[in-house]
C-alpha atoms as a PDB file:
ATOM      1  CA  MET A   1     -13.704  29.996   4.874  1.00  0.00           C
ATOM      2  CA  LYS A   2     -10.832  27.848   3.623  1.00  0.00           C
ATOM      3  CA  LEU A   3     -11.809  24.423   2.334  1.00  0.00           C
ATOM      4  CA  VAL A   4      -9.302  21.584   1.944  1.00  0.00           C
ATOM      5  CA  VAL A   5     -10.654  18.563   0.085  1.00  0.00           C
ATOM      6  CA  PHE A   6      -8.792  15.261   0.033  1.00  0.00           C
ATOM      7  CA  ASP A   7      -9.031  12.387  -2.389  1.00  0.00           C
ATOM      8  CA  VAL A   8      -9.010   8.997  -0.628  1.00  0.00           C
ATOM      9  CA  ASP A   9      -7.426   6.091  -2.567  1.00  0.00           C
ATOM     10  CA  GLY A  10      -3.805   6.905  -3.360  1.00  0.00           C
ATOM     11  CA  THR A  11      -3.855  10.092  -1.288  1.00  0.00           C
ATOM     12  CA  LEU A  12      -4.985   9.218   2.226  1.00  0.00           C
ATOM     13  CA  VAL A  13      -5.197   5.443   1.916  1.00  0.00           C
ATOM     14  CA  ASP A  14      -2.852   2.904   0.301  1.00  0.00           C
ATOM     15  CA  SER A  15      -5.417   0.573  -1.245  1.00  0.00           C
ATOM     16  CA  GLN A  16      -3.477  -0.553  -4.311  1.00  0.00           C
ATOM     17  CA  HIS A  17      -3.121  -4.247  -3.416  1.00  0.00           C
ATOM     18  CA  LEU A  18      -6.817  -4.591  -2.659  1.00  0.00           C
ATOM     19  CA  ILE A  19      -7.864  -2.741  -5.814  1.00  0.00           C
ATOM     20  CA  VAL A  20      -5.615  -4.755  -8.131  1.00  0.00           C
ATOM     21  CA  ALA A  21      -6.661  -8.063  -6.568  1.00  0.00           C
ATOM     22  CA  ALA A  22     -10.370  -7.209  -6.757  1.00  0.00           C
ATOM     23  CA  GLN A  23     -10.027  -6.193 -10.402  1.00  0.00           C
ATOM     24  CA  GLY A  24      -8.228  -9.457 -11.117  1.00  0.00           C
ATOM     25  CA  MET A  25     -11.043 -11.472  -9.554  1.00  0.00           C
ATOM     26  CA  ALA A  26     -13.676  -9.525 -11.491  1.00  0.00           C
ATOM     27  CA  PHE A  27     -11.957 -10.167 -14.805  1.00  0.00           C
ATOM     28  CA  ALA A  28     -11.378 -13.822 -13.962  1.00  0.00           C
ATOM     29  CA  GLU A  29     -15.078 -14.245 -13.198  1.00  0.00           C
ATOM     30  CA  HIS A  30     -15.783 -13.065 -16.746  1.00  0.00           C
ATOM     31  CA  GLY A  31     -13.101 -15.247 -18.330  1.00  0.00           C
ATOM     32  CA  MET A  32     -11.154 -12.145 -19.327  1.00  0.00           C
ATOM     33  CA  GLU A  33      -7.475 -11.342 -18.978  1.00  0.00           C
ATOM     34  CA  ALA A  34      -6.887  -8.844 -16.201  1.00  0.00           C
ATOM     35  CA  PRO A  35      -5.052  -5.601 -17.007  1.00  0.00           C
ATOM     36  CA  THR A  36      -1.512  -5.099 -15.821  1.00  0.00           C
ATOM     37  CA  ARG A  37      -0.976  -3.612 -12.384  1.00  0.00           C
ATOM     38  CA  ALA A  38       0.004  -0.260 -13.895  1.00  0.00           C
ATOM     39  CA  VAL A  39      -3.128  -0.131 -16.024  1.00  0.00           C
ATOM     40  CA  SER A  40      -5.292  -1.188 -13.080  1.00  0.00           C
ATOM     41  CA  LEU A  41      -3.954   1.628 -10.934  1.00  0.00           C
ATOM     42  CA  SER A  42      -4.237   4.184 -13.729  1.00  0.00           C
ATOM     43  CA  VAL A  43      -8.034   4.241 -13.355  1.00  0.00           C
ATOM     44  CA  VAL A  44      -8.099   4.585  -9.566  1.00  0.00           C
ATOM     45  CA  GLY A  45     -10.124   7.648  -8.663  1.00  0.00           C
ATOM     46  CA  LEU A  46     -12.815   7.133 -11.275  1.00  0.00           C
ATOM     47  CA  SER A  47     -16.208   5.705 -10.416  1.00  0.00           C
ATOM     48  CA  LEU A  48     -16.464   1.987 -11.159  1.00  0.00           C
ATOM     49  CA  PRO A  49     -18.437   2.300 -14.426  1.00  0.00           C
ATOM     50  CA  GLN A  50     -16.013   4.927 -15.715  1.00  0.00           C
ATOM     51  CA  ALA A  51     -13.017   2.866 -14.649  1.00  0.00           C
ATOM     52  CA  PHE A  52     -14.199  -0.305 -16.377  1.00  0.00           C
ATOM     53  CA  ARG A  53     -15.273   1.676 -19.421  1.00  0.00           C
ATOM     54  CA  ARG A  54     -11.658   2.784 -19.784  1.00  0.00           C
ATOM     55  CA  LEU A  55     -10.394  -0.754 -19.212  1.00  0.00           C
ATOM     56  CA  VAL A  56     -12.689  -2.654 -21.589  1.00  0.00           C
ATOM     57  CA  GLY A  57     -14.277  -0.037 -23.847  1.00  0.00           C
ATOM     58  CA  GLU A  58     -17.864   1.023 -24.354  1.00  0.00           C
ATOM     59  CA  GLN A  59     -18.948  -2.407 -25.616  1.00  0.00           C
ATOM     60  CA  GLY A  60     -17.511  -4.363 -22.688  1.00  0.00           C
ATOM     61  CA  PRO A  61     -19.490  -5.826 -19.768  1.00  0.00           C
ATOM     62  CA  ILE A  62     -19.109  -2.653 -17.730  1.00  0.00           C
ATOM     63  CA  GLU A  63     -22.027  -3.105 -15.343  1.00  0.00           C
ATOM     64  CA  SER A  64     -21.318  -6.782 -14.738  1.00  0.00           C
ATOM     65  CA  LEU A  65     -17.631  -6.158 -14.098  1.00  0.00           C
ATOM     66  CA  SER A  66     -18.520  -3.394 -11.664  1.00  0.00           C
ATOM     67  CA  GLU A  67     -20.770  -5.715  -9.687  1.00  0.00           C
ATOM     68  CA  SER A  68     -18.144  -8.467  -9.678  1.00  0.00           C
ATOM     69  CA  TYR A  69     -15.564  -5.991  -8.466  1.00  0.00           C
ATOM     70  CA  LYS A  70     -17.773  -4.880  -5.582  1.00  0.00           C
ATOM     71  CA  ARG A  71     -18.261  -8.473  -4.446  1.00  0.00           C
ATOM     72  CA  ALA A  72     -14.552  -9.231  -4.709  1.00  0.00           C
ATOM     73  CA  PHE A  73     -13.595  -6.031  -2.904  1.00  0.00           C
ATOM     74  CA  ASN A  74     -15.953  -6.711  -0.015  1.00  0.00           C
ATOM     75  CA  THR A  75     -14.620 -10.265   0.297  1.00  0.00           C
ATOM     76  CA  LEU A  76     -10.949  -9.328   0.131  1.00  0.00           C
ATOM     77  CA  ARG A  77     -11.145  -6.433   2.570  1.00  0.00           C
ATOM     78  CA  LEU A  78     -11.888  -8.988   5.319  1.00  0.00           C
ATOM     79  CA  ASP A  79      -8.477 -10.556   4.688  1.00  0.00           C
ATOM     80  CA  PRO A  80      -5.797  -8.866   6.873  1.00  0.00           C
ATOM     81  CA  SER A  81      -3.273  -9.230   4.041  1.00  0.00           C
ATOM     82  CA  TYR A  82      -5.318  -6.723   2.041  1.00  0.00           C
ATOM     83  CA  GLU A  83      -5.554  -3.996   4.653  1.00  0.00           C
ATOM     84  CA  GLU A  84      -5.818  -0.357   3.527  1.00  0.00           C
ATOM     85  CA  PRO A  85      -3.360   1.585   5.694  1.00  0.00           C
ATOM     86  CA  LEU A  86      -3.082   5.335   5.738  1.00  0.00           C
ATOM     87  CA  PHE A  87      -0.012   6.643   3.956  1.00  0.00           C
ATOM     88  CA  PRO A  88       2.781   7.630   6.370  1.00  0.00           C
ATOM     89  CA  GLY A  89       2.060  10.899   8.139  1.00  0.00           C
ATOM     90  CA  MET A  90      -1.413  11.446   6.737  1.00  0.00           C
ATOM     91  CA  GLY A  91      -3.237  10.473   9.927  1.00  0.00           C
ATOM     92  CA  ASP A  92      -1.176  12.960  11.943  1.00  0.00           C
ATOM     93  CA  LEU A  93      -1.752  15.671   9.344  1.00  0.00           C
ATOM     94  CA  ILE A  94      -5.523  15.181   9.437  1.00  0.00           C
ATOM     95  CA  GLU A  95      -5.438  15.394  13.238  1.00  0.00           C
ATOM     96  CA  ARG A  96      -3.548  18.697  13.093  1.00  0.00           C
ATOM     97  CA  LEU A  97      -5.799  20.208  10.463  1.00  0.00           C
ATOM     98  CA  ARG A  98      -9.024  19.207  12.217  1.00  0.00           C
ATOM     99  CA  ALA A  99      -8.034  21.509  15.081  1.00  0.00           C
ATOM    100  CA  ARG A 100      -7.777  24.559  12.827  1.00  0.00           C
ATOM    101  CA  GLU A 101     -10.773  26.868  13.289  1.00  0.00           C
ATOM    102  CA  ASP A 102     -10.144  28.604   9.964  1.00  0.00           C
ATOM    103  CA  LEU A 103     -10.275  25.395   7.894  1.00  0.00           C
ATOM    104  CA  ARG A 104     -12.980  22.999   6.843  1.00  0.00           C
ATOM    105  CA  LEU A 105     -11.977  19.559   5.599  1.00  0.00           C
ATOM    106  CA  GLY A 106     -13.713  17.458   2.977  1.00  0.00           C
ATOM    107  CA  LEU A 107     -13.443  14.263   0.954  1.00  0.00           C
ATOM    108  CA  ALA A 108     -14.098  13.785  -2.758  1.00  0.00           C
ATOM    109  CA  THR A 109     -13.616  10.220  -3.931  1.00  0.00           C
ATOM    110  CA  GLY A 110     -14.554   7.572  -6.431  1.00  0.00           C
ATOM    111  CA  LYS A 111     -15.386   5.280  -3.511  1.00  0.00           C
ATOM    112  CA  SER A 112     -18.987   4.436  -2.710  1.00  0.00           C
ATOM    113  CA  ARG A 113     -20.785   6.115   0.178  1.00  0.00           C
ATOM    114  CA  ARG A 114     -20.599   2.803   2.021  1.00  0.00           C
ATOM    115  CA  GLY A 115     -16.842   2.648   1.565  1.00  0.00           C
ATOM    116  CA  VAL A 116     -16.361   6.205   2.777  1.00  0.00           C
ATOM    117  CA  ASP A 117     -18.545   5.626   5.828  1.00  0.00           C
ATOM    118  CA  ARG A 118     -16.463   2.544   6.655  1.00  0.00           C
ATOM    119  CA  LEU A 119     -13.229   4.519   6.320  1.00  0.00           C
ATOM    120  CA  ILE A 120     -14.474   7.335   8.539  1.00  0.00           C
ATOM    121  CA  GLU A 121     -15.664   4.918  11.199  1.00  0.00           C
ATOM    122  CA  SER A 122     -12.464   2.884  11.200  1.00  0.00           C
ATOM    123  CA  HIS A 123     -10.293   5.959  11.828  1.00  0.00           C
ATOM    124  CA  GLY A 124     -12.598   7.751  14.263  1.00  0.00           C
ATOM    125  CA  TRP A 125     -13.133  10.610  11.844  1.00  0.00           C
ATOM    126  CA  GLY A 126     -16.839  11.081  12.488  1.00  0.00           C
ATOM    127  CA  ASP A 127     -16.493  14.793  13.256  1.00  0.00           C
ATOM    128  CA  VAL A 128     -13.564  15.592  10.963  1.00  0.00           C
ATOM    129  CA  PHE A 129     -15.006  16.151   7.493  1.00  0.00           C
ATOM    130  CA  ALA A 130     -17.571  18.881   6.945  1.00  0.00           C
ATOM    131  CA  THR A 131     -18.426  17.499   3.506  1.00  0.00           C
ATOM    132  CA  THR A 132     -17.981  14.090   1.872  1.00  0.00           C
ATOM    133  CA  GLN A 133     -18.609  13.564  -1.828  1.00  0.00           C
ATOM    134  CA  THR A 134     -18.665  10.033  -3.250  1.00  0.00           C
ATOM    135  CA  ALA A 135     -19.307   8.127  -6.455  1.00  0.00           C
ATOM    136  CA  ASP A 136     -22.898   7.642  -5.278  1.00  0.00           C
ATOM    137  CA  ASP A 137     -23.533  11.388  -5.050  1.00  0.00           C
ATOM    138  CA  ALA A 138     -22.206  12.922  -8.243  1.00  0.00           C
ATOM    139  CA  PRO A 139     -20.720  12.257 -11.677  1.00  0.00           C
ATOM    140  CA  SER A 140     -17.273  10.673 -11.722  1.00  0.00           C
ATOM    141  CA  LYS A 141     -14.127  12.754 -11.612  1.00  0.00           C
ATOM    142  CA  PRO A 142     -12.900  14.738 -13.449  1.00  0.00           C
ATOM    143  CA  ASP A 143     -16.375  16.286 -13.635  1.00  0.00           C
ATOM    144  CA  PRO A 144     -16.248  19.230 -11.169  1.00  0.00           C
ATOM    145  CA  THR A 145     -19.637  18.545  -9.555  1.00  0.00           C
ATOM    146  CA  MET A 146     -18.167  16.842  -6.463  1.00  0.00           C
ATOM    147  CA  LEU A 147     -15.943  19.794  -5.684  1.00  0.00           C
ATOM    148  CA  ARG A 148     -18.648  22.347  -6.399  1.00  0.00           C
ATOM    149  CA  ARG A 149     -21.016  20.544  -4.037  1.00  0.00           C
ATOM    150  CA  ALA A 150     -18.320  20.417  -1.379  1.00  0.00           C
ATOM    151  CA  MET A 151     -17.863  24.182  -1.635  1.00  0.00           C
ATOM    152  CA  ALA A 152     -21.606  24.735  -1.453  1.00  0.00           C
ATOM    153  CA  ASP A 153     -21.842  22.559   1.650  1.00  0.00           C
ATOM    154  CA  VAL A 154     -19.521  24.782   3.668  1.00  0.00           C
ATOM    155  CA  GLY A 155     -20.021  28.137   1.953  1.00  0.00           C
ATOM    156  CA  ALA A 156     -16.540  28.213   0.431  1.00  0.00           C
ATOM    157  CA  VAL A 157     -15.490  29.839  -2.850  1.00  0.00           C
ATOM    158  CA  PRO A 158     -13.006  28.514  -5.424  1.00  0.00           C
ATOM    159  CA  GLU A 159     -10.369  31.077  -4.468  1.00  0.00           C
ATOM    160  CA  THR A 160     -10.112  29.615  -0.962  1.00  0.00           C
ATOM    161  CA  THR A 161     -10.531  25.948  -1.901  1.00  0.00           C
ATOM    162  CA  VAL A 162      -7.742  23.410  -2.386  1.00  0.00           C
ATOM    163  CA  MET A 163      -8.050  19.895  -3.808  1.00  0.00           C
ATOM    164  CA  ILE A 164      -5.357  17.410  -2.767  1.00  0.00           C
ATOM    165  CA  GLY A 165      -5.036  14.234  -4.801  1.00  0.00           C
ATOM    166  CA  ASP A 166      -2.783  11.752  -6.519  1.00  0.00           C
ATOM    167  CA  THR A 167      -4.334  11.520  -9.999  1.00  0.00           C
ATOM    168  CA  THR A 168      -4.859  13.715 -13.007  1.00  0.00           C
ATOM    169  CA  TYR A 169      -8.597  13.274 -12.432  1.00  0.00           C
ATOM    170  CA  ASP A 170      -8.256  15.165  -9.144  1.00  0.00           C
ATOM    171  CA  MET A 171      -6.200  17.914 -10.754  1.00  0.00           C
ATOM    172  CA  ASP A 172      -8.581  18.263 -13.710  1.00  0.00           C
ATOM    173  CA  MET A 173     -11.559  18.432 -11.362  1.00  0.00           C
ATOM    174  CA  ALA A 174      -9.965  21.182  -9.304  1.00  0.00           C
ATOM    175  CA  VAL A 175      -9.052  23.243 -12.347  1.00  0.00           C
ATOM    176  CA  SER A 176     -12.557  22.900 -13.780  1.00  0.00           C
ATOM    177  CA  ALA A 177     -14.057  24.031 -10.472  1.00  0.00           C
ATOM    178  CA  GLY A 178     -11.707  27.015 -10.219  1.00  0.00           C
ATOM    179  CA  ALA A 179      -9.929  25.635  -7.151  1.00  0.00           C
ATOM    180  CA  ALA A 180      -6.218  25.120  -6.592  1.00  0.00           C
ATOM    181  CA  ALA A 181      -4.818  21.629  -7.186  1.00  0.00           C
ATOM    182  CA  ILE A 182      -2.055  20.080  -5.089  1.00  0.00           C
ATOM    183  CA  GLY A 183      -0.660  16.712  -6.134  1.00  0.00           C
ATOM    184  CA  VAL A 184       0.927  14.032  -3.970  1.00  0.00           C
ATOM    185  CA  ALA A 185       3.749  11.953  -5.406  1.00  0.00           C
ATOM    186  CA  TRP A 186       3.091   8.742  -3.472  1.00  0.00           C
ATOM    187  CA  GLY A 187      -0.081   7.788  -5.333  1.00  0.00           C
ATOM    188  CA  TYR A 188      -0.979   6.270  -8.678  1.00  0.00           C
ATOM    189  CA  HIS A 189      -0.149   8.940 -11.294  1.00  0.00           C
ATOM    190  CA  PRO A 190       3.380  10.328 -11.778  1.00  0.00           C
ATOM    191  CA  PRO A 191       4.258  13.911 -10.789  1.00  0.00           C
ATOM    192  CA  GLY A 192       4.793  14.983 -14.402  1.00  0.00           C
ATOM    193  CA  ALA A 193       1.240  13.998 -15.282  1.00  0.00           C
ATOM    194  CA  LEU A 194      -0.093  15.857 -12.228  1.00  0.00           C
ATOM    195  CA  PHE A 195       1.723  19.038 -13.233  1.00  0.00           C
ATOM    196  CA  GLY A 196       0.454  18.609 -16.783  1.00  0.00           C
ATOM    197  CA  ALA A 197      -3.108  18.414 -15.474  1.00  0.00           C
ATOM    198  CA  GLY A 198      -2.796  21.681 -13.555  1.00  0.00           C
ATOM    199  CA  ALA A 199      -1.178  20.953 -10.187  1.00  0.00           C
ATOM    200  CA  VAL A 200       0.442  24.069  -8.759  1.00  0.00           C
ATOM    201  CA  THR A 201       2.813  21.861  -6.795  1.00  0.00           C
ATOM    202  CA  VAL A 202       3.410  18.171  -6.104  1.00  0.00           C
ATOM    203  CA  VAL A 203       4.638  17.174  -2.653  1.00  0.00           C
ATOM    204  CA  GLU A 204       6.783  14.144  -1.902  1.00  0.00           C
ATOM    205  CA  THR A 205       5.797  13.543   1.726  1.00  0.00           C
ATOM    206  CA  ALA A 206       3.014  14.237   4.198  1.00  0.00           C
ATOM    207  CA  SER A 207       5.476  16.442   6.071  1.00  0.00           C
ATOM    208  CA  ALA A 208       5.992  18.580   2.962  1.00  0.00           C
ATOM    209  CA  LEU A 209       2.237  18.806   2.531  1.00  0.00           C
ATOM    210  CA  GLY A 210       1.885  19.925   6.136  1.00  0.00           C
ATOM    211  CA  GLU A 211       4.397  22.709   5.571  1.00  0.00           C
ATOM    212  CA  LEU A 212       2.012  24.291   3.080  1.00  0.00           C
ATOM    213  CA  PHE A 213      -0.430  24.736   5.936  1.00  0.00           C
ATOM    214  CA  SER A 214       2.046  26.638   8.072  1.00  0.00           C
ATOM    215  CA  GLY A 215       3.513  28.999   5.521  1.00  0.00           C
ATOM    216  CA  GLY A 216       1.279  28.850   2.486  1.00  0.00           C
ATOM    217  CA  LEU A 217       2.465  28.209  -1.057  1.00  0.00           C
ATOM    218  CA  ARG A 218       3.975  31.243  -2.729  1.00  0.00           C
ATOM    219  CA  ASP A 219       5.584  31.972  -6.055  1.00  0.00           C
ATOM    220  CA  VAL A 220       9.029  33.492  -6.540  1.00  0.00           C
ATOM    221  CA  GLY A 221       7.590  37.009  -6.261  1.00  0.00           C
ATOM    222  CA  GLY A 222       6.098  36.272  -2.877  1.00  0.00           C
ATOM    223  CA  ASP A 223       2.461  36.231  -3.962  1.00  0.00           C
ATOM    224  CA  THR A 224       0.240  33.528  -2.554  1.00  0.00           C
ATOM    225  CA  ILE A 225      -0.826  31.117  -5.296  1.00  0.00           C
ATOM    226  CA  VAL A 226      -2.711  28.527  -3.246  1.00  0.00           C
ATOM    227  CA  GLY A 227      -5.034  30.479  -1.042  1.00  0.00           C
ATOM    228  CA  ASP A 228      -3.271  31.322   2.195  1.00  0.00           C
ATOM    229  CA  LEU A 229      -3.116  28.057   4.033  1.00  0.00           C
ATOM    230  CA  ALA A 230      -1.264  29.476   7.005  1.00  0.00           C
ATOM    231  CA  PRO A 231      -3.359  29.953  10.163  1.00  0.00           C
ATOM    232  CA  GLU A 232      -5.124  33.282  10.435  1.00  0.00           C
END
């Protein structure tokens, strides 16, 4: 069984404006200067405690900031100007892959279970993902537990599992779990960092990502290096 696991923020969903604004409100509530946009986005993909630990250090108000962020996020997401659209082409790609009998799809994300459930409901994806791993279920990325649980859920093995994400945390998690890592260039970490963290390739568009599922990803000698993603 081939398992394809997607990250959410920065990979499927463009949530950067909402994330940055919610962080800004959380810091303002604590009378603290908010990080720059680049720094804010650099921690996307981590669970909230891990993200704020990186932003303010071990001695900072990590738990309080996390709670403030949740409140701000839930308030802002009701504002149409902070919508979280799918990245171009990703909705179509998910629809094509869901029809493949030889694939199982999954999610592994730093979002809460509530946030993932909301995403799935809003896009009509109730029967799409065979496994969903969230920040409420396992240690934060890059710990490999999320991906290992996803494999266990569907009976997959690392050799036939692919993790698709936009951050080094996704790539590190995949490598630690023995799975292949594919990076996307439209997210929050640059391609060079993704390659440095173990990505076997980084795609520029959803169309390029889809091509991997029709012909597989092979090295110059013709050997498959990311499972065989082509239909059986």
